[in-house]
Amino acid sequence: MESETSMQDRIESKIKEGFKDLEFFHLKDQSDGCGAKFFCIVISEEFEGLKLLDRQRKVNDLISDEISEVHALELKTWTPKQWETKKEGLGF
């Protein structure tokens, strides 16, 4: 029997492949392993000059196939400069 790639692995792979200059990435399954609820941080220079909604759309477009199977996805999409001011408050 072939093992199916986990939802977390699929999301992680697509985001890492989709950003050329990914400075930091964090993905946590908050659904006790069932893959229905995720918390995701994506830090990239590609977000510079983009509005929050456009940043999140960029990520959502990369994982559009997976989104339909996920109940909740909390996204934090920041530039490296923004990340410097926010990471400590998130425990990084």
C-alpha atoms as a PDB file:
ATOM      1  CA  MET A   1       0.000   0.000   0.000  1.00  0.00           C
ATOM      2  CA  GLU A   2       1.411   3.363  -1.033  1.00  0.00           C
ATOM      3  CA  SER A   3       1.734   6.092   1.593  1.00  0.00           C
ATOM      4  CA  GLU A   4      -0.102   9.299   0.737  1.00  0.00           C
ATOM      5  CA  THR A   5       1.845  12.544   1.121  1.00  0.00           C
ATOM      6  CA  SER A   6       0.521  14.461   4.115  1.00  0.00           C
ATOM      7  CA  MET A   7      -1.373  17.692   3.629  1.00  0.00           C
ATOM      8  CA  GLN A   8       1.352  19.515   5.538  1.00  0.00           C
ATOM      9  CA  ASP A   9       4.063  18.131   3.247  1.00  0.00           C
ATOM     10  CA  ARG A  10       2.094  19.078   0.135  1.00  0.00           C
ATOM     11  CA  ILE A  11       1.525  22.657   1.330  1.00  0.00           C
ATOM     12  CA  GLU A  12       5.140  23.060   2.421  1.00  0.00           C
ATOM     13  CA  SER A  13       6.490  21.757  -0.869  1.00  0.00           C
ATOM     14  CA  LYS A  14       4.334  24.044  -3.011  1.00  0.00           C
ATOM     15  CA  ILE A  15       5.128  27.174  -0.999  1.00  0.00           C
ATOM     16  CA  LYS A  16       8.862  26.473  -0.935  1.00  0.00           C
ATOM     17  CA  GLU A  17       8.859  25.851  -4.692  1.00  0.00           C
ATOM     18  CA  GLY A  18       6.715  28.926  -5.379  1.00  0.00           C
ATOM     19  CA  PHE A  19       8.917  31.558  -3.715  1.00  0.00           C
ATOM     20  CA  LYS A  20      12.349  32.227  -5.189  1.00  0.00           C
ATOM     21  CA  ASP A  21      13.616  34.166  -2.185  1.00  0.00           C
ATOM     22  CA  LEU A  22      11.840  32.586   0.765  1.00  0.00           C
ATOM     23  CA  GLU A  23      13.623  33.972   3.830  1.00  0.00           C
ATOM     24  CA  PHE A  24      11.613  32.097   6.459  1.00  0.00           C
ATOM     25  CA  PHE A  25       8.821  29.552   6.385  1.00  0.00           C
ATOM     26  CA  HIS A  26       6.872  27.924   9.204  1.00  0.00           C
ATOM     27  CA  LEU A  27       3.874  25.609   8.903  1.00  0.00           C
ATOM     28  CA  LYS A  28       2.166  24.046  11.899  1.00  0.00           C
ATOM     29  CA  ASP A  29      -0.722  21.600  11.863  1.00  0.00           C
ATOM     30  CA  GLN A  30      -3.047  22.816  14.631  1.00  0.00           C
ATOM     31  CA  SER A  31      -5.609  20.055  14.147  1.00  0.00           C
ATOM     32  CA  ASP A  32      -3.945  17.252  16.132  1.00  0.00           C
ATOM     33  CA  GLY A  33      -2.557  15.708  12.969  1.00  0.00           C
ATOM     34  CA  CYS A  34      -5.670  15.446  10.809  1.00  0.00           C
ATOM     35  CA  GLY A  35      -4.530  18.258   8.487  1.00  0.00           C
ATOM     36  CA  ALA A  36      -7.641  20.406   8.718  1.00  0.00           C
ATOM     37  CA  LYS A  37      -6.228  23.522  10.417  1.00  0.00           C
ATOM     38  CA  PHE A  38      -2.865  25.166   9.784  1.00  0.00           C
ATOM     39  CA  PHE A  39      -0.871  28.180  10.957  1.00  0.00           C
ATOM     40  CA  CYS A  40       1.563  29.402   8.305  1.00  0.00           C
ATOM     41  CA  ILE A  41       4.245  32.111   8.216  1.00  0.00           C
ATOM     42  CA  VAL A  42       5.772  33.074   4.861  1.00  0.00           C
ATOM     43  CA  ILE A  43       8.559  35.680   4.797  1.00  0.00           C
ATOM     44  CA  SER A  44       9.682  36.892   1.383  1.00  0.00           C
ATOM     45  CA  GLU A  45      10.972  39.999  -0.390  1.00  0.00           C
ATOM     46  CA  GLU A  46       8.333  39.217  -3.036  1.00  0.00           C
ATOM     47  CA  PHE A  47       5.750  40.728  -0.663  1.00  0.00           C
ATOM     48  CA  GLU A  48       7.411  44.154  -0.762  1.00  0.00           C
ATOM     49  CA  GLY A  49       4.913  46.719  -2.068  1.00  0.00           C
ATOM     50  CA  LEU A  50       1.971  44.280  -2.049  1.00  0.00           C
ATOM     51  CA  LYS A  51      -1.151  44.779   0.030  1.00  0.00           C
ATOM     52  CA  LEU A  52      -1.958  42.113   2.618  1.00  0.00           C
ATOM     53  CA  LEU A  53      -4.755  40.643   0.514  1.00  0.00           C
ATOM     54  CA  ASP A  54      -2.461  40.352  -2.521  1.00  0.00           C
ATOM     55  CA  ARG A  55       0.200  38.628  -0.409  1.00  0.00           C
ATOM     56  CA  GLN A  56      -2.288  36.086   0.863  1.00  0.00           C
ATOM     57  CA  ARG A  57      -3.695  35.535  -2.623  1.00  0.00           C
ATOM     58  CA  LYS A  58      -0.187  34.773  -3.849  1.00  0.00           C
ATOM     59  CA  VAL A  59       0.140  32.004  -1.240  1.00  0.00           C
ATOM     60  CA  ASN A  60      -3.419  30.750  -1.749  1.00  0.00           C
ATOM     61  CA  ASP A  61      -2.856  30.499  -5.505  1.00  0.00           C
ATOM     62  CA  LEU A  62       0.139  28.219  -4.904  1.00  0.00           C
ATOM     63  CA  ILE A  63      -1.863  25.849  -2.710  1.00  0.00           C
ATOM     64  CA  SER A  64      -5.278  26.156  -4.348  1.00  0.00           C
ATOM     65  CA  ASP A  65      -5.707  22.372  -4.647  1.00  0.00           C
ATOM     66  CA  GLU A  66      -4.978  21.892  -0.950  1.00  0.00           C
ATOM     67  CA  ILE A  67      -7.150  24.809   0.234  1.00  0.00           C
ATOM     68  CA  SER A  68     -10.324  22.948  -0.692  1.00  0.00           C
ATOM     69  CA  GLU A  69      -9.397  20.192   1.778  1.00  0.00           C
ATOM     70  CA  VAL A  70      -8.347  22.477   4.655  1.00  0.00           C
ATOM     71  CA  HIS A  71     -10.880  23.749   7.185  1.00  0.00           C
ATOM     72  CA  ALA A  72      -8.806  26.724   8.389  1.00  0.00           C
ATOM     73  CA  LEU A  73      -5.560  28.390   7.335  1.00  0.00           C
ATOM     74  CA  GLU A  74      -4.097  31.295   9.285  1.00  0.00           C
ATOM     75  CA  LEU A  75      -1.537  33.090   7.122  1.00  0.00           C
ATOM     76  CA  LYS A  76       1.121  35.567   8.174  1.00  0.00           C
ATOM     77  CA  THR A  77       2.732  37.036   5.062  1.00  0.00           C
ATOM     78  CA  TRP A  78       5.472  39.576   5.747  1.00  0.00           C
ATOM     79  CA  THR A  79       8.573  41.091   4.221  1.00  0.00           C
ATOM     80  CA  PRO A  80      11.908  40.354   5.956  1.00  0.00           C
ATOM     81  CA  LYS A  81      11.879  43.859   7.447  1.00  0.00           C
ATOM     82  CA  GLN A  82       8.400  43.334   8.918  1.00  0.00           C
ATOM     83  CA  TRP A  83       9.439  39.899  10.196  1.00  0.00           C
ATOM     84  CA  GLU A  84      12.272  41.435  12.234  1.00  0.00           C
ATOM     85  CA  THR A  85       9.731  43.408  14.272  1.00  0.00           C
ATOM     86  CA  LYS A  86       7.207  40.570  14.663  1.00  0.00           C
ATOM     87  CA  LYS A  87       9.148  37.329  15.150  1.00  0.00           C
ATOM     88  CA  GLU A  88       9.997  37.803  18.812  1.00  0.00           C
ATOM     89  CA  GLY A  89       6.331  38.277  19.725  1.00  0.00           C
ATOM     90  CA  LEU A  90       5.585  34.947  18.049  1.00  0.00           C
ATOM     91  CA  GLY A  91       8.369  33.101  19.863  1.00  0.00           C
ATOM     92  CA  PHE A  92      10.903  32.866  17.020  1.00  0.00           C
END
